[in-house]
Protein backbone atom coordinates (compact mmCIF):
# COMPACT_ATOMS: atom_id res chain seq x y z
CA MET A 1 -9.47 -49.55 -123.12
CA ASN A 2 -6.50 -50.85 -121.18
CA GLY A 3 -3.70 -53.17 -122.20
CA HIS A 4 -3.99 -56.72 -120.93
CA HIS A 5 -1.67 -59.59 -121.69
CA PHE A 6 -2.20 -63.31 -122.03
CA SER A 7 1.29 -64.82 -122.04
CA THR A 8 3.75 -66.46 -119.69
CA SER A 9 6.01 -63.41 -119.55
CA ARG A 10 5.03 -60.03 -118.23
CA ARG A 11 5.75 -58.40 -121.61
CA LEU A 12 3.06 -58.18 -124.26
CA SER A 13 3.59 -60.24 -127.37
CA GLU A 14 4.55 -58.35 -130.51
CA ARG A 15 1.10 -59.04 -131.96
CA ASP A 16 -0.62 -57.67 -128.83
CA LEU A 17 1.59 -54.56 -128.93
CA PHE A 18 0.65 -53.88 -132.54
CA ASP A 19 -3.05 -54.58 -131.95
CA LEU A 20 -3.12 -52.20 -129.00
CA ALA A 21 -1.15 -49.57 -130.91
CA ASP A 22 -3.53 -49.84 -133.89
CA ALA A 23 -6.55 -49.34 -131.64
CA LEU A 24 -4.98 -46.37 -129.86
CA ALA A 25 -3.88 -44.77 -133.13
CA LEU A 26 -7.42 -45.02 -134.48
CA HIS A 27 -8.84 -43.59 -131.27
CA LEU A 28 -6.44 -40.63 -131.31
CA TYR A 29 -7.04 -40.00 -135.01
CA GLU A 30 -10.81 -40.02 -134.46
CA THR A 31 -10.34 -37.51 -131.65
CA LEU A 32 -7.68 -35.21 -133.14
CA GLY A 33 -7.91 -35.79 -136.87
CA SER A 34 -4.90 -35.03 -139.04
CA ARG A 35 -3.34 -32.99 -136.21
CA VAL A 36 -1.90 -36.30 -134.96
CA TYR A 37 0.67 -36.07 -137.75
CA LEU A 38 2.23 -33.05 -136.03
CA LEU A 39 2.65 -34.72 -132.63
CA ALA A 40 6.11 -35.42 -131.25
CA ARG A 41 6.78 -38.88 -129.85
CA ALA A 42 6.71 -37.46 -126.31
CA ASP A 43 3.25 -36.02 -126.99
CA VAL A 44 2.00 -39.35 -128.27
CA ALA A 45 3.42 -41.07 -125.19
CA GLN A 46 1.58 -38.63 -122.96
CA LEU A 47 -1.70 -39.12 -124.83
CA VAL A 48 -1.58 -42.93 -124.72
CA GLU A 49 -0.33 -43.14 -121.12
CA PRO A 50 -3.80 -43.32 -119.49
CA PHE A 51 -4.61 -46.33 -121.70
CA VAL A 52 -1.39 -48.26 -121.05
CA ASP A 53 -0.47 -47.34 -117.47
CA ASP A 54 -1.07 -50.92 -116.35
CA LEU A 55 1.64 -52.23 -118.70
CA LEU A 56 5.34 -52.62 -118.08
CA THR A 57 7.36 -49.48 -118.81
CA GLU A 58 9.00 -51.14 -121.83
CA ASP A 59 5.61 -52.02 -123.30
CA GLN A 60 4.31 -48.50 -122.66
CA GLN A 61 7.28 -47.07 -124.55
CA ASP A 62 6.90 -49.57 -127.38
CA VAL A 63 3.19 -48.81 -127.83
CA ALA A 64 3.84 -45.07 -127.89
CA TRP A 65 6.62 -45.50 -130.46
CA ILE A 66 4.46 -47.74 -132.66
CA VAL A 67 1.55 -45.27 -132.55
CA TRP A 68 3.87 -42.38 -133.43
CA HIS A 69 5.36 -44.42 -136.29
CA LEU A 70 1.88 -45.26 -137.60
CA PHE A 71 1.07 -41.54 -137.68
CA GLN A 72 4.27 -40.81 -139.60
CA GLU A 73 3.48 -43.51 -142.16
CA ALA A 74 -0.10 -42.27 -142.54
CA CYS A 75 1.14 -38.72 -143.05
CA GLU A 76 3.49 -39.88 -145.82
CA TRP A 77 0.64 -41.77 -147.50
CA GLU A 78 -1.63 -38.75 -147.30
CA LEU A 79 1.04 -36.49 -148.78
CA ARG A 80 1.55 -38.87 -151.70
CA GLY A 81 -2.08 -38.43 -152.57
């Protein structure tokens, strides 16, 4: 799975960023389980890097941040019960 864009600019659209981040978050969760909640943003960036290395640096950073944020939200939901 690699990031590809279909727009006139070199940046991914916001929708594409979120779709890619959702897919990567699911993939990492399937691989690591609830341990993803303990990852630092730098760790998430390192784990997603092989999947987004063809994107612009800004998009790579955005995807990593979105994935990390999704994990934080999921952790909060799980803790609430």
